[in-house]
Amino acid sequence: MSRITRKELKSDKFALEVEHTVNFFEEHRQDLIRYGGIGLVVIALAIVFWLYRGHQHSARQEALTQAIKVQEAPIGVSGNGGLAFPSQELKDGESTRVFTDLQTKYSGSAEAQIAEYYLGAIKADQGKLAEAEKSFHQVAENGNADYSSLAKLSLAQIYFSDGRNTQAEAMLRDLMAHPTAFVSKDQATLMLAKYLITKNPTEARQLLDPLRTVPGTVGQVALTMYSELPPK
Protein backbone atom coordinates (compact mmCIF):
# COMPACT_ATOMS: atom_id res chain seq x y z
CA MET A 1 0.00 0.00 0.00
CA SER A 2 1.12 3.55 -0.63
CA ARG A 3 2.18 5.41 2.49
CA ILE A 4 0.33 8.65 3.11
CA THR A 5 2.81 11.17 4.38
CA ARG A 6 2.38 14.13 6.70
CA LYS A 7 3.84 16.38 4.03
CA GLU A 8 1.01 15.46 1.69
CA LEU A 9 -1.59 15.94 4.41
CA LYS A 10 -0.30 19.39 5.30
CA SER A 11 0.70 20.64 1.85
CA ASP A 12 -2.28 19.77 -0.30
CA LYS A 13 -4.61 22.76 0.05
CA PHE A 14 -7.30 21.56 -2.34
CA ALA A 15 -9.66 20.45 0.42
CA LEU A 16 -12.24 23.23 0.71
CA GLU A 17 -15.36 24.00 -1.24
CA VAL A 18 -14.30 25.96 -4.33
CA GLU A 19 -17.00 28.59 -4.65
CA HIS A 20 -16.80 29.63 -0.97
CA THR A 21 -13.02 29.78 -0.59
CA VAL A 22 -11.65 31.66 -3.59
CA ASN A 23 -9.39 33.87 -1.50
CA PHE A 24 -7.96 30.89 0.37
CA PHE A 25 -7.14 29.15 -2.90
CA GLU A 26 -5.53 32.22 -4.36
CA GLU A 27 -3.26 32.49 -1.31
CA HIS A 28 -2.14 28.87 -1.79
CA ARG A 29 -1.94 28.81 -5.58
CA GLN A 30 1.63 27.51 -5.71
CA ASP A 31 0.83 24.55 -3.47
CA LEU A 32 -2.16 23.70 -5.63
CA ILE A 33 -0.14 23.83 -8.82
CA ARG A 34 2.75 21.92 -7.29
CA TYR A 35 0.58 19.07 -6.06
CA GLY A 36 -1.92 19.14 -8.91
CA GLY A 37 -4.72 19.79 -6.46
CA ILE A 38 -4.58 16.11 -5.54
CA GLY A 39 -2.76 14.17 -2.83
CA LEU A 40 -3.33 11.06 -0.78
CA VAL A 41 -6.00 12.05 1.73
CA VAL A 42 -6.47 15.50 0.31
CA ILE A 43 -7.97 17.14 3.33
CA ALA A 44 -5.19 19.15 4.98
CA LEU A 45 -5.16 19.09 8.76
CA ALA A 46 -4.37 22.79 8.86
CA ILE A 47 -7.55 23.54 6.91
CA VAL A 48 -9.79 22.05 9.57
CA PHE A 49 -8.09 24.35 12.06
CA TRP A 50 -8.69 27.27 9.69
CA LEU A 51 -12.39 26.43 9.55
CA TYR A 52 -12.73 26.38 13.33
CA ARG A 53 -10.25 28.85 14.73
CA GLY A 54 -12.80 31.70 14.70
CA HIS A 55 -15.66 29.71 16.27
CA GLN A 56 -14.63 28.93 19.83
CA HIS A 57 -18.06 29.49 21.39
CA SER A 58 -18.60 26.26 23.31
CA ALA A 59 -16.76 23.73 25.44
CA ARG A 60 -16.79 21.24 22.56
CA GLN A 61 -15.29 23.71 20.12
CA GLU A 62 -12.69 24.82 22.64
CA ALA A 63 -11.73 21.20 23.24
CA LEU A 64 -11.43 20.67 19.49
CA THR A 65 -9.30 23.77 19.09
CA GLN A 66 -6.93 22.65 21.84
CA ALA A 67 -6.68 19.17 20.31
CA ILE A 68 -5.88 20.65 16.90
CA LYS A 69 -3.16 22.77 18.49
CA VAL A 70 -1.53 19.56 19.68
CA GLN A 71 -1.71 18.13 16.17
CA GLU A 72 -0.32 21.33 14.68
CA ALA A 73 2.56 21.63 17.17
CA PRO A 74 6.06 21.46 15.64
CA ILE A 75 8.67 18.77 16.15
CA GLY A 76 11.72 20.10 17.99
CA VAL A 77 11.79 23.52 19.60
CA SER A 78 8.93 25.93 19.02
CA GLY A 79 10.04 29.25 17.59
CA ASN A 80 7.78 31.18 19.96
CA GLY A 81 8.26 29.01 23.01
CA GLY A 82 4.92 27.28 22.58
CA LEU A 83 3.97 23.63 22.53
CA ALA A 84 6.43 21.32 20.71
CA PHE A 85 7.33 17.65 20.71
CA PRO A 86 10.78 16.00 20.65
CA SER A 87 9.62 13.34 18.16
CA GLN A 88 6.83 12.56 15.72
CA GLU A 89 6.03 9.40 17.66
CA LEU A 90 5.35 11.33 20.86
CA LYS A 91 3.32 13.90 19.01
CA ASP A 92 1.20 11.22 17.32
CA GLY A 93 0.65 9.55 20.67
CA GLU A 94 -0.54 12.72 22.36
CA SER A 95 -2.65 13.74 19.35
CA THR A 96 -4.32 10.34 19.35
CA ARG A 97 -5.01 10.64 23.08
CA VAL A 98 -6.63 14.10 22.94
CA PHE A 99 -8.72 13.36 19.87
CA THR A 100 -9.85 10.04 21.32
CA ASP A 101 -10.81 11.74 24.59
CA LEU A 102 -12.78 14.38 22.68
CA GLN A 103 -14.48 11.79 20.50
CA THR A 104 -15.50 9.78 23.57
CA LYS A 105 -16.62 12.71 25.72
CA TYR A 106 -18.68 14.42 23.03
CA SER A 107 -19.83 11.37 21.08
CA GLY A 108 -22.41 12.22 18.44
CA SER A 109 -21.39 15.87 18.08
CA ALA A 110 -19.88 17.55 15.02
CA GLU A 111 -16.66 18.03 16.98
CA ALA A 112 -16.53 14.30 17.70
CA GLN A 113 -16.83 13.59 14.00
CA ILE A 114 -13.95 15.97 13.25
CA ALA A 115 -11.92 14.28 15.98
CA GLU A 116 -12.63 10.91 14.38
CA TYR A 117 -11.51 12.32 11.04
CA TYR A 118 -8.25 13.50 12.59
CA LEU A 119 -7.70 10.06 14.10
CA GLY A 120 -8.11 8.61 10.63
CA ALA A 121 -5.63 11.11 9.20
CA ILE A 122 -3.05 10.27 11.87
CA LYS A 123 -3.42 6.56 11.15
CA ALA A 124 -3.13 7.19 7.42
CA ASP A 125 0.02 9.20 8.02
CA GLN A 126 1.46 6.25 9.90
CA GLY A 127 0.69 3.96 6.98
CA LYS A 128 -2.10 2.20 8.89
CA LEU A 129 -4.56 2.51 6.05
CA ALA A 130 -6.91 -0.24 7.24
CA GLU A 131 -7.36 1.57 10.57
CA ALA A 132 -7.65 4.93 8.83
CA GLU A 133 -10.33 3.51 6.58
CA LYS A 134 -12.40 2.51 9.62
CA SER A 135 -12.28 6.05 11.00
CA PHE A 136 -13.10 7.67 7.68
CA HIS A 137 -15.91 5.18 7.10
CA GLN A 138 -17.37 6.01 10.51
CA VAL A 139 -17.46 9.70 9.64
CA ALA A 140 -18.81 9.00 6.15
CA GLU A 141 -21.66 6.98 7.60
CA ASN A 142 -22.49 9.06 10.67
CA GLY A 143 -21.34 12.62 10.05
CA ASN A 144 -23.50 15.33 8.56
CA ALA A 145 -23.38 15.86 4.80
CA ASP A 146 -20.35 18.17 4.91
CA TYR A 147 -18.12 16.03 7.15
CA SER A 148 -19.34 12.88 5.45
CA SER A 149 -18.23 14.23 2.09
CA LEU A 150 -14.74 14.97 3.43
CA ALA A 151 -14.45 11.43 4.75
CA LYS A 152 -15.64 10.00 1.44
CA LEU A 153 -13.01 12.03 -0.37
CA SER A 154 -10.33 10.49 1.82
CA LEU A 155 -11.82 7.02 1.43
CA ALA A 156 -11.61 7.39 -2.33
CA GLN A 157 -7.90 8.14 -1.98
CA ILE A 158 -7.37 5.01 0.10
CA TYR A 159 -9.39 2.90 -2.33
CA PHE A 160 -7.26 4.12 -5.22
CA SER A 161 -4.08 3.46 -3.25
CA ASP A 162 -4.81 -0.24 -2.84
CA GLY A 163 -6.43 -0.95 -6.18
CA ARG A 164 -10.14 -0.65 -5.34
CA ASN A 165 -10.60 1.65 -8.31
CA THR A 166 -14.23 0.77 -8.94
CA GLN A 167 -15.23 1.76 -5.40
CA ALA A 168 -13.17 4.93 -5.55
CA GLU A 169 -14.63 6.01 -8.88
CA ALA A 170 -18.17 5.34 -7.69
CA MET A 171 -17.59 7.42 -4.56
CA LEU A 172 -16.17 10.34 -6.51
CA ARG A 173 -18.98 10.26 -9.05
CA ASP A 174 -21.46 10.36 -6.18
CA LEU A 175 -19.64 13.36 -4.70
CA MET A 176 -19.76 15.05 -8.10
CA ALA A 177 -23.52 14.49 -8.20
CA HIS A 178 -24.01 15.61 -4.59
CA PRO A 179 -21.55 18.44 -3.79
CA THR A 180 -21.41 19.90 -0.29
CA ALA A 181 -20.09 23.02 1.39
CA PHE A 182 -16.74 21.26 1.94
CA VAL A 183 -16.40 19.18 -1.24
CA SER A 184 -17.38 20.85 -4.48
CA LYS A 185 -18.27 19.19 -7.76
CA ASP A 186 -15.11 20.67 -9.29
CA GLN A 187 -12.93 19.19 -6.55
CA ALA A 188 -14.38 15.71 -6.95
CA THR A 189 -14.12 16.03 -10.72
CA LEU A 190 -10.45 16.98 -10.58
CA MET A 191 -9.66 14.08 -8.29
CA LEU A 192 -11.44 11.61 -10.54
CA ALA A 193 -9.75 13.04 -13.63
CA LYS A 194 -6.35 12.74 -11.93
CA TYR A 195 -6.77 9.01 -11.60
CA LEU A 196 -8.29 8.57 -15.04
CA ILE A 197 -5.37 10.23 -16.84
CA THR A 198 -3.64 6.91 -17.40
CA LYS A 199 -6.59 4.54 -17.09
CA ASN A 200 -9.08 6.36 -19.30
CA PRO A 201 -7.49 9.49 -20.81
CA THR A 202 -10.49 10.07 -23.07
CA GLU A 203 -12.85 10.50 -20.13
CA ALA A 204 -10.23 12.44 -18.17
CA ARG A 205 -10.02 14.88 -21.07
CA GLN A 206 -13.80 15.22 -21.13
CA LEU A 207 -13.87 15.97 -17.41
CA LEU A 208 -11.04 18.48 -17.52
CA ASP A 209 -11.96 20.30 -20.70
CA PRO A 210 -14.78 22.48 -19.27
CA LEU A 211 -12.77 23.21 -16.12
CA ARG A 212 -9.88 24.74 -18.05
CA THR A 213 -11.81 27.97 -18.51
CA VAL A 214 -12.97 28.27 -14.89
CA PRO A 215 -11.38 31.43 -13.42
CA GLY A 216 -8.82 31.06 -10.66
CA THR A 217 -7.16 28.02 -9.21
CA VAL A 218 -9.60 25.41 -10.51
CA GLY A 219 -8.84 26.41 -14.07
CA GLN A 220 -5.10 26.46 -13.42
CA VAL A 221 -5.11 23.00 -11.85
CA ALA A 222 -7.24 21.68 -14.71
CA LEU A 223 -4.78 23.10 -17.24
CA THR A 224 -1.84 21.53 -15.42
CA MET A 225 -3.54 18.15 -15.38
CA TYR A 226 -4.65 18.54 -18.99
CA SER A 227 -1.00 18.89 -19.99
CA GLU A 228 -0.33 15.47 -18.46
CA LEU A 229 -2.77 13.75 -20.82
CA PRO A 230 -1.29 11.66 -23.64
CA PRO A 231 -1.74 13.03 -27.16
CA LYS A 232 -4.98 12.18 -28.90
C-alpha atoms as a PDB file:
ATOM      1  CA  MET A   1       0.000   0.000   0.000  1.00  0.00           C
ATOM      2  CA  SER A   2       1.115   3.551  -0.627  1.00  0.00           C
ATOM      3  CA  ARG A   3       2.180   5.407   2.493  1.00  0.00           C
ATOM      4  CA  ILE A   4       0.331   8.648   3.105  1.00  0.00           C
ATOM      5  CA  THR A   5       2.808  11.172   4.381  1.00  0.00           C
ATOM      6  CA  ARG A   6       2.377  14.129   6.702  1.00  0.00           C
ATOM      7  CA  LYS A   7       3.841  16.375   4.034  1.00  0.00           C
ATOM      8  CA  GLU A   8       1.006  15.456   1.689  1.00  0.00           C
ATOM      9  CA  LEU A   9      -1.591  15.941   4.409  1.00  0.00           C
ATOM     10  CA  LYS A  10      -0.299  19.390   5.299  1.00  0.00           C
ATOM     11  CA  SER A  11       0.703  20.638   1.854  1.00  0.00           C
ATOM     12  CA  ASP A  12      -2.284  19.771  -0.297  1.00  0.00           C
ATOM     13  CA  LYS A  13      -4.611  22.757   0.049  1.00  0.00           C
ATOM     14  CA  PHE A  14      -7.303  21.559  -2.339  1.00  0.00           C
ATOM     15  CA  ALA A  15      -9.660  20.445   0.419  1.00  0.00           C
ATOM     16  CA  LEU A  16     -12.240  23.228   0.706  1.00  0.00           C
ATOM     17  CA  GLU A  17     -15.360  24.001  -1.240  1.00  0.00           C
ATOM     18  CA  VAL A  18     -14.296  25.963  -4.333  1.00  0.00           C
ATOM     19  CA  GLU A  19     -16.996  28.592  -4.648  1.00  0.00           C
ATOM     20  CA  HIS A  20     -16.805  29.633  -0.973  1.00  0.00           C
ATOM     21  CA  THR A  21     -13.019  29.779  -0.587  1.00  0.00           C
ATOM     22  CA  VAL A  22     -11.655  31.660  -3.585  1.00  0.00           C
ATOM     23  CA  ASN A  23      -9.389  33.868  -1.500  1.00  0.00           C
ATOM     24  CA  PHE A  24      -7.960  30.892   0.374  1.00  0.00           C
ATOM     25  CA  PHE A  25      -7.145  29.152  -2.901  1.00  0.00           C
ATOM     26  CA  GLU A  26      -5.532  32.224  -4.359  1.00  0.00           C
ATOM     27  CA  GLU A  27      -3.261  32.491  -1.310  1.00  0.00           C
ATOM     28  CA  HIS A  28      -2.138  28.871  -1.791  1.00  0.00           C
ATOM     29  CA  ARG A  29      -1.939  28.813  -5.577  1.00  0.00           C
ATOM     30  CA  GLN A  30       1.627  27.514  -5.712  1.00  0.00           C
ATOM     31  CA  ASP A  31       0.834  24.546  -3.467  1.00  0.00           C
ATOM     32  CA  LEU A  32      -2.160  23.705  -5.633  1.00  0.00           C
ATOM     33  CA  ILE A  33      -0.141  23.826  -8.816  1.00  0.00           C
ATOM     34  CA  ARG A  34       2.751  21.922  -7.290  1.00  0.00           C
ATOM     35  CA  TYR A  35       0.583  19.068  -6.058  1.00  0.00           C
ATOM     36  CA  GLY A  36      -1.920  19.142  -8.911  1.00  0.00           C
ATOM     37  CA  GLY A  37      -4.716  19.787  -6.460  1.00  0.00           C
ATOM     38  CA  ILE A  38      -4.585  16.114  -5.545  1.00  0.00           C
ATOM     39  CA  GLY A  39      -2.758  14.170  -2.835  1.00  0.00           C
ATOM     40  CA  LEU A  40      -3.333  11.059  -0.778  1.00  0.00           C
ATOM     41  CA  VAL A  41      -6.000  12.052   1.734  1.00  0.00           C
ATOM     42  CA  VAL A  42      -6.468  15.502   0.305  1.00  0.00           C
ATOM     43  CA  ILE A  43      -7.968  17.136   3.326  1.00  0.00           C
ATOM     44  CA  ALA A  44      -5.194  19.155   4.984  1.00  0.00           C
ATOM     45  CA  LEU A  45      -5.161  19.088   8.762  1.00  0.00           C
ATOM     46  CA  ALA A  46      -4.366  22.789   8.858  1.00  0.00           C
ATOM     47  CA  ILE A  47      -7.547  23.539   6.907  1.00  0.00           C
ATOM     48  CA  VAL A  48      -9.790  22.051   9.570  1.00  0.00           C
ATOM     49  CA  PHE A  49      -8.092  24.353  12.062  1.00  0.00           C
ATOM     50  CA  TRP A  50      -8.687  27.266   9.688  1.00  0.00           C
ATOM     51  CA  LEU A  51     -12.386  26.432   9.552  1.00  0.00           C
ATOM     52  CA  TYR A  52     -12.729  26.380  13.329  1.00  0.00           C
ATOM     53  CA  ARG A  53     -10.250  28.846  14.735  1.00  0.00           C
ATOM     54  CA  GLY A  54     -12.799  31.696  14.698  1.00  0.00           C
ATOM     55  CA  HIS A  55     -15.659  29.715  16.268  1.00  0.00           C
ATOM     56  CA  GLN A  56     -14.635  28.931  19.834  1.00  0.00           C
ATOM     57  CA  HIS A  57     -18.058  29.485  21.393  1.00  0.00           C
ATOM     58  CA  SER A  58     -18.597  26.257  23.312  1.00  0.00           C
ATOM     59  CA  ALA A  59     -16.757  23.732  25.437  1.00  0.00           C
ATOM     60  CA  ARG A  60     -16.788  21.242  22.558  1.00  0.00           C
ATOM     61  CA  GLN A  61     -15.287  23.708  20.122  1.00  0.00           C
ATOM     62  CA  GLU A  62     -12.691  24.823  22.641  1.00  0.00           C
ATOM     63  CA  ALA A  63     -11.732  21.196  23.238  1.00  0.00           C
ATOM     64  CA  LEU A  64     -11.435  20.667  19.494  1.00  0.00           C
ATOM     65  CA  THR A  65      -9.303  23.770  19.090  1.00  0.00           C
ATOM     66  CA  GLN A  66      -6.932  22.647  21.841  1.00  0.00           C
ATOM     67  CA  ALA A  67      -6.681  19.170  20.310  1.00  0.00           C
ATOM     68  CA  ILE A  68      -5.882  20.647  16.904  1.00  0.00           C
ATOM     69  CA  LYS A  69      -3.158  22.772  18.490  1.00  0.00           C
ATOM     70  CA  VAL A  70      -1.530  19.557  19.682  1.00  0.00           C
ATOM     71  CA  GLN A  71      -1.710  18.135  16.169  1.00  0.00           C
ATOM     72  CA  GLU A  72      -0.316  21.332  14.685  1.00  0.00           C
ATOM     73  CA  ALA A  73       2.564  21.633  17.171  1.00  0.00           C
ATOM     74  CA  PRO A  74       6.057  21.457  15.644  1.00  0.00           C
ATOM     75  CA  ILE A  75       8.669  18.768  16.152  1.00  0.00           C
ATOM     76  CA  GLY A  76      11.724  20.099  17.986  1.00  0.00           C
ATOM     77  CA  VAL A  77      11.792  23.519  19.600  1.00  0.00           C
ATOM     78  CA  SER A  78       8.932  25.932  19.022  1.00  0.00           C
ATOM     79  CA  GLY A  79      10.039  29.251  17.585  1.00  0.00           C
ATOM     80  CA  ASN A  80       7.782  31.184  19.963  1.00  0.00           C
ATOM     81  CA  GLY A  81       8.265  29.008  23.009  1.00  0.00           C
ATOM     82  CA  GLY A  82       4.918  27.279  22.584  1.00  0.00           C
ATOM     83  CA  LEU A  83       3.966  23.627  22.528  1.00  0.00           C
ATOM     84  CA  ALA A  84       6.426  21.325  20.710  1.00  0.00           C
ATOM     85  CA  PHE A  85       7.334  17.645  20.706  1.00  0.00           C
ATOM     86  CA  PRO A  86      10.779  15.995  20.647  1.00  0.00           C
ATOM     87  CA  SER A  87       9.620  13.336  18.155  1.00  0.00           C
ATOM     88  CA  GLN A  88       6.828  12.565  15.720  1.00  0.00           C
ATOM     89  CA  GLU A  89       6.030   9.403  17.659  1.00  0.00           C
ATOM     90  CA  LEU A  90       5.349  11.325  20.860  1.00  0.00           C
ATOM     91  CA  LYS A  91       3.318  13.901  19.009  1.00  0.00           C
ATOM     92  CA  ASP A  92       1.200  11.224  17.324  1.00  0.00           C
ATOM     93  CA  GLY A  93       0.649   9.548  20.675  1.00  0.00           C
ATOM     94  CA  GLU A  94      -0.540  12.721  22.360  1.00  0.00           C
ATOM     95  CA  SER A  95      -2.648  13.743  19.354  1.00  0.00           C
ATOM     96  CA  THR A  96      -4.319  10.345  19.354  1.00  0.00           C
ATOM     97  CA  ARG A  97      -5.012  10.645  23.083  1.00  0.00           C
ATOM     98  CA  VAL A  98      -6.626  14.100  22.937  1.00  0.00           C
ATOM     99  CA  PHE A  99      -8.724  13.357  19.867  1.00  0.00           C
ATOM    100  CA  THR A 100      -9.850  10.037  21.323  1.00  0.00           C
ATOM    101  CA  ASP A 101     -10.813  11.740  24.589  1.00  0.00           C
ATOM    102  CA  LEU A 102     -12.783  14.377  22.683  1.00  0.00           C
ATOM    103  CA  GLN A 103     -14.483  11.792  20.501  1.00  0.00           C
ATOM    104  CA  THR A 104     -15.504   9.782  23.566  1.00  0.00           C
ATOM    105  CA  LYS A 105     -16.621  12.709  25.718  1.00  0.00           C
ATOM    106  CA  TYR A 106     -18.684  14.424  23.031  1.00  0.00           C
ATOM    107  CA  SER A 107     -19.828  11.375  21.084  1.00  0.00           C
ATOM    108  CA  GLY A 108     -22.414  12.216  18.444  1.00  0.00           C
ATOM    109  CA  SER A 109     -21.395  15.871  18.078  1.00  0.00           C
ATOM    110  CA  ALA A 110     -19.883  17.550  15.015  1.00  0.00           C
ATOM    111  CA  GLU A 111     -16.661  18.034  16.982  1.00  0.00           C
ATOM    112  CA  ALA A 112     -16.527  14.304  17.701  1.00  0.00           C
ATOM    113  CA  GLN A 113     -16.827  13.594  13.999  1.00  0.00           C
ATOM    114  CA  ILE A 114     -13.954  15.968  13.247  1.00  0.00           C
ATOM    115  CA  ALA A 115     -11.915  14.280  15.981  1.00  0.00           C
ATOM    116  CA  GLU A 116     -12.630  10.914  14.377  1.00  0.00           C
ATOM    117  CA  TYR A 117     -11.513  12.323  11.044  1.00  0.00           C
ATOM    118  CA  TYR A 118      -8.248  13.503  12.590  1.00  0.00           C
ATOM    119  CA  LEU A 119      -7.700  10.060  14.102  1.00  0.00           C
ATOM    120  CA  GLY A 120      -8.105   8.608  10.630  1.00  0.00           C
ATOM    121  CA  ALA A 121      -5.634  11.110   9.197  1.00  0.00           C
ATOM    122  CA  ILE A 122      -3.050  10.267  11.872  1.00  0.00           C
ATOM    123  CA  LYS A 123      -3.424   6.564  11.145  1.00  0.00           C
ATOM    124  CA  ALA A 124      -3.135   7.190   7.422  1.00  0.00           C
ATOM    125  CA  ASP A 125       0.020   9.197   8.016  1.00  0.00           C
ATOM    126  CA  GLN A 126       1.463   6.249   9.900  1.00  0.00           C
ATOM    127  CA  GLY A 127       0.692   3.958   6.976  1.00  0.00           C
ATOM    128  CA  LYS A 128      -2.101   2.199   8.889  1.00  0.00           C
ATOM    129  CA  LEU A 129      -4.564   2.512   6.053  1.00  0.00           C
ATOM    130  CA  ALA A 130      -6.910  -0.235   7.240  1.00  0.00           C
ATOM    131  CA  GLU A 131      -7.363   1.567  10.570  1.00  0.00           C
ATOM    132  CA  ALA A 132      -7.647   4.935   8.827  1.00  0.00           C
ATOM    133  CA  GLU A 133     -10.331   3.511   6.579  1.00  0.00           C
ATOM    134  CA  LYS A 134     -12.401   2.510   9.616  1.00  0.00           C
ATOM    135  CA  SER A 135     -12.276   6.048  10.999  1.00  0.00           C
ATOM    136  CA  PHE A 136     -13.100   7.669   7.681  1.00  0.00           C
ATOM    137  CA  HIS A 137     -15.912   5.185   7.097  1.00  0.00           C
ATOM    138  CA  GLN A 138     -17.372   6.007  10.514  1.00  0.00           C
ATOM    139  CA  VAL A 139     -17.457   9.702   9.638  1.00  0.00           C
ATOM    140  CA  ALA A 140     -18.807   9.002   6.148  1.00  0.00           C
ATOM    141  CA  GLU A 141     -21.661   6.978   7.600  1.00  0.00           C
ATOM    142  CA  ASN A 142     -22.493   9.055  10.674  1.00  0.00           C
ATOM    143  CA  GLY A 143     -21.340  12.623  10.046  1.00  0.00           C
ATOM    144  CA  ASN A 144     -23.502  15.335   8.555  1.00  0.00           C
ATOM    145  CA  ALA A 145     -23.383  15.858   4.800  1.00  0.00           C
ATOM    146  CA  ASP A 146     -20.353  18.170   4.913  1.00  0.00           C
ATOM    147  CA  TYR A 147     -18.122  16.032   7.149  1.00  0.00           C
ATOM    148  CA  SER A 148     -19.338  12.875   5.447  1.00  0.00           C
ATOM    149  CA  SER A 149     -18.225  14.227   2.093  1.00  0.00           C
ATOM    150  CA  LEU A 150     -14.740  14.966   3.433  1.00  0.00           C
ATOM    151  CA  ALA A 151     -14.453  11.430   4.749  1.00  0.00           C
ATOM    152  CA  LYS A 152     -15.642   9.996   1.436  1.00  0.00           C
ATOM    153  CA  LEU A 153     -13.009  12.035  -0.374  1.00  0.00           C
ATOM    154  CA  SER A 154     -10.335  10.485   1.823  1.00  0.00           C
ATOM    155  CA  LEU A 155     -11.824   7.019   1.433  1.00  0.00           C
ATOM    156  CA  ALA A 156     -11.608   7.389  -2.327  1.00  0.00           C
ATOM    157  CA  GLN A 157      -7.904   8.142  -1.985  1.00  0.00           C
ATOM    158  CA  ILE A 158      -7.374   5.010   0.100  1.00  0.00           C
ATOM    159  CA  TYR A 159      -9.391   2.903  -2.329  1.00  0.00           C
ATOM    160  CA  PHE A 160      -7.259   4.116  -5.219  1.00  0.00           C
ATOM    161  CA  SER A 161      -4.080   3.462  -3.250  1.00  0.00           C
ATOM    162  CA  ASP A 162      -4.808  -0.245  -2.837  1.00  0.00           C
ATOM    163  CA  GLY A 163      -6.434  -0.952  -6.180  1.00  0.00           C
ATOM    164  CA  ARG A 164     -10.137  -0.653  -5.339  1.00  0.00           C
ATOM    165  CA  ASN A 165     -10.596   1.646  -8.305  1.00  0.00           C
ATOM    166  CA  THR A 166     -14.232   0.766  -8.942  1.00  0.00           C
ATOM    167  CA  GLN A 167     -15.232   1.764  -5.397  1.00  0.00           C
ATOM    168  CA  ALA A 168     -13.165   4.934  -5.553  1.00  0.00           C
ATOM    169  CA  GLU A 169     -14.626   6.010  -8.876  1.00  0.00           C
ATOM    170  CA  ALA A 170     -18.171   5.341  -7.690  1.00  0.00           C
ATOM    171  CA  MET A 171     -17.592   7.416  -4.563  1.00  0.00           C
ATOM    172  CA  LEU A 172     -16.166  10.341  -6.510  1.00  0.00           C
ATOM    173  CA  ARG A 173     -18.983  10.264  -9.052  1.00  0.00           C
ATOM    174  CA  ASP A 174     -21.458  10.361  -6.177  1.00  0.00           C
ATOM    175  CA  LEU A 175     -19.635  13.364  -4.703  1.00  0.00           C
ATOM    176  CA  MET A 176     -19.764  15.050  -8.101  1.00  0.00           C
ATOM    177  CA  ALA A 177     -23.523  14.495  -8.201  1.00  0.00           C
ATOM    178  CA  HIS A 178     -24.013  15.613  -4.587  1.00  0.00           C
ATOM    179  CA  PRO A 179     -21.546  18.437  -3.788  1.00  0.00           C
ATOM    180  CA  THR A 180     -21.409  19.903  -0.291  1.00  0.00           C
ATOM    181  CA  ALA A 181     -20.088  23.018   1.390  1.00  0.00           C
ATOM    182  CA  PHE A 182     -16.737  21.264   1.938  1.00  0.00           C
ATOM    183  CA  VAL A 183     -16.395  19.177  -1.241  1.00  0.00           C
ATOM    184  CA  SER A 184     -17.376  20.849  -4.484  1.00  0.00           C
ATOM    185  CA  LYS A 185     -18.269  19.194  -7.761  1.00  0.00           C
ATOM    186  CA  ASP A 186     -15.106  20.672  -9.286  1.00  0.00           C
ATOM    187  CA  GLN A 187     -12.932  19.186  -6.546  1.00  0.00           C
ATOM    188  CA  ALA A 188     -14.377  15.708  -6.946  1.00  0.00           C
ATOM    189  CA  THR A 189     -14.121  16.030 -10.722  1.00  0.00           C
ATOM    190  CA  LEU A 190     -10.451  16.977 -10.580  1.00  0.00           C
ATOM    191  CA  MET A 191      -9.662  14.077  -8.291  1.00  0.00           C
ATOM    192  CA  LEU A 192     -11.437  11.606 -10.543  1.00  0.00           C
ATOM    193  CA  ALA A 193      -9.747  13.036 -13.633  1.00  0.00           C
ATOM    194  CA  LYS A 194      -6.345  12.742 -11.930  1.00  0.00           C
ATOM    195  CA  TYR A 195      -6.772   9.014 -11.595  1.00  0.00           C
ATOM    196  CA  LEU A 196      -8.288   8.571 -15.035  1.00  0.00           C
ATOM    197  CA  ILE A 197      -5.368  10.233 -16.838  1.00  0.00           C
ATOM    198  CA  THR A 198      -3.637   6.908 -17.398  1.00  0.00           C
ATOM    199  CA  LYS A 199      -6.585   4.539 -17.090  1.00  0.00           C
ATOM    200  CA  ASN A 200      -9.081   6.362 -19.296  1.00  0.00           C
ATOM    201  CA  PRO A 201      -7.493   9.486 -20.810  1.00  0.00           C
ATOM    202  CA  THR A 202     -10.494  10.072 -23.073  1.00  0.00           C
ATOM    203  CA  GLU A 203     -12.851  10.502 -20.129  1.00  0.00           C
ATOM    204  CA  ALA A 204     -10.227  12.442 -18.174  1.00  0.00           C
ATOM    205  CA  ARG A 205     -10.023  14.877 -21.073  1.00  0.00           C
ATOM    206  CA  GLN A 206     -13.799  15.218 -21.131  1.00  0.00           C
ATOM    207  CA  LEU A 207     -13.870  15.969 -17.410  1.00  0.00           C
ATOM    208  CA  LEU A 208     -11.036  18.479 -17.523  1.00  0.00           C
ATOM    209  CA  ASP A 209     -11.964  20.297 -20.698  1.00  0.00           C
ATOM    210  CA  PRO A 210     -14.783  22.481 -19.267  1.00  0.00           C
ATOM    211  CA  LEU A 211     -12.766  23.214 -16.123  1.00  0.00           C
ATOM    212  CA  ARG A 212      -9.877  24.743 -18.051  1.00  0.00           C
ATOM    213  CA  THR A 213     -11.810  27.970 -18.510  1.00  0.00           C
ATOM    214  CA  VAL A 214     -12.970  28.271 -14.895  1.00  0.00           C
ATOM    215  CA  PRO A 215     -11.380  31.430 -13.416  1.00  0.00           C
ATOM    216  CA  GLY A 216      -8.820  31.060 -10.665  1.00  0.00           C
ATOM    217  CA  THR A 217      -7.158  28.017  -9.211  1.00  0.00           C
ATOM    218  CA  VAL A 218      -9.599  25.408 -10.507  1.00  0.00           C
ATOM    219  CA  GLY A 219      -8.836  26.405 -14.069  1.00  0.00           C
ATOM    220  CA  GLN A 220      -5.096  26.459 -13.418  1.00  0.00           C
ATOM    221  CA  VAL A 221      -5.112  23.005 -11.855  1.00  0.00           C
ATOM    222  CA  ALA A 222      -7.236  21.683 -14.708  1.00  0.00           C
ATOM    223  CA  LEU A 223      -4.784  23.103 -17.242  1.00  0.00           C
ATOM    224  CA  THR A 224      -1.842  21.529 -15.415  1.00  0.00           C
ATOM    225  CA  MET A 225      -3.539  18.153 -15.381  1.00  0.00           C
ATOM    226  CA  TYR A 226      -4.647  18.538 -18.988  1.00  0.00           C
ATOM    227  CA  SER A 227      -1.004  18.891 -19.995  1.00  0.00           C
ATOM    228  CA  GLU A 228      -0.331  15.470 -18.456  1.00  0.00           C
ATOM    229  CA  LEU A 229      -2.770  13.751 -20.822  1.00  0.00           C
ATOM    230  CA  PRO A 230      -1.293  11.657 -23.638  1.00  0.00           C
ATOM    231  CA  PRO A 231      -1.736  13.034 -27.156  1.00  0.00           C
ATOM    232  CA  LYS A 232      -4.978  12.180 -28.900  1.00  0.00           C
END
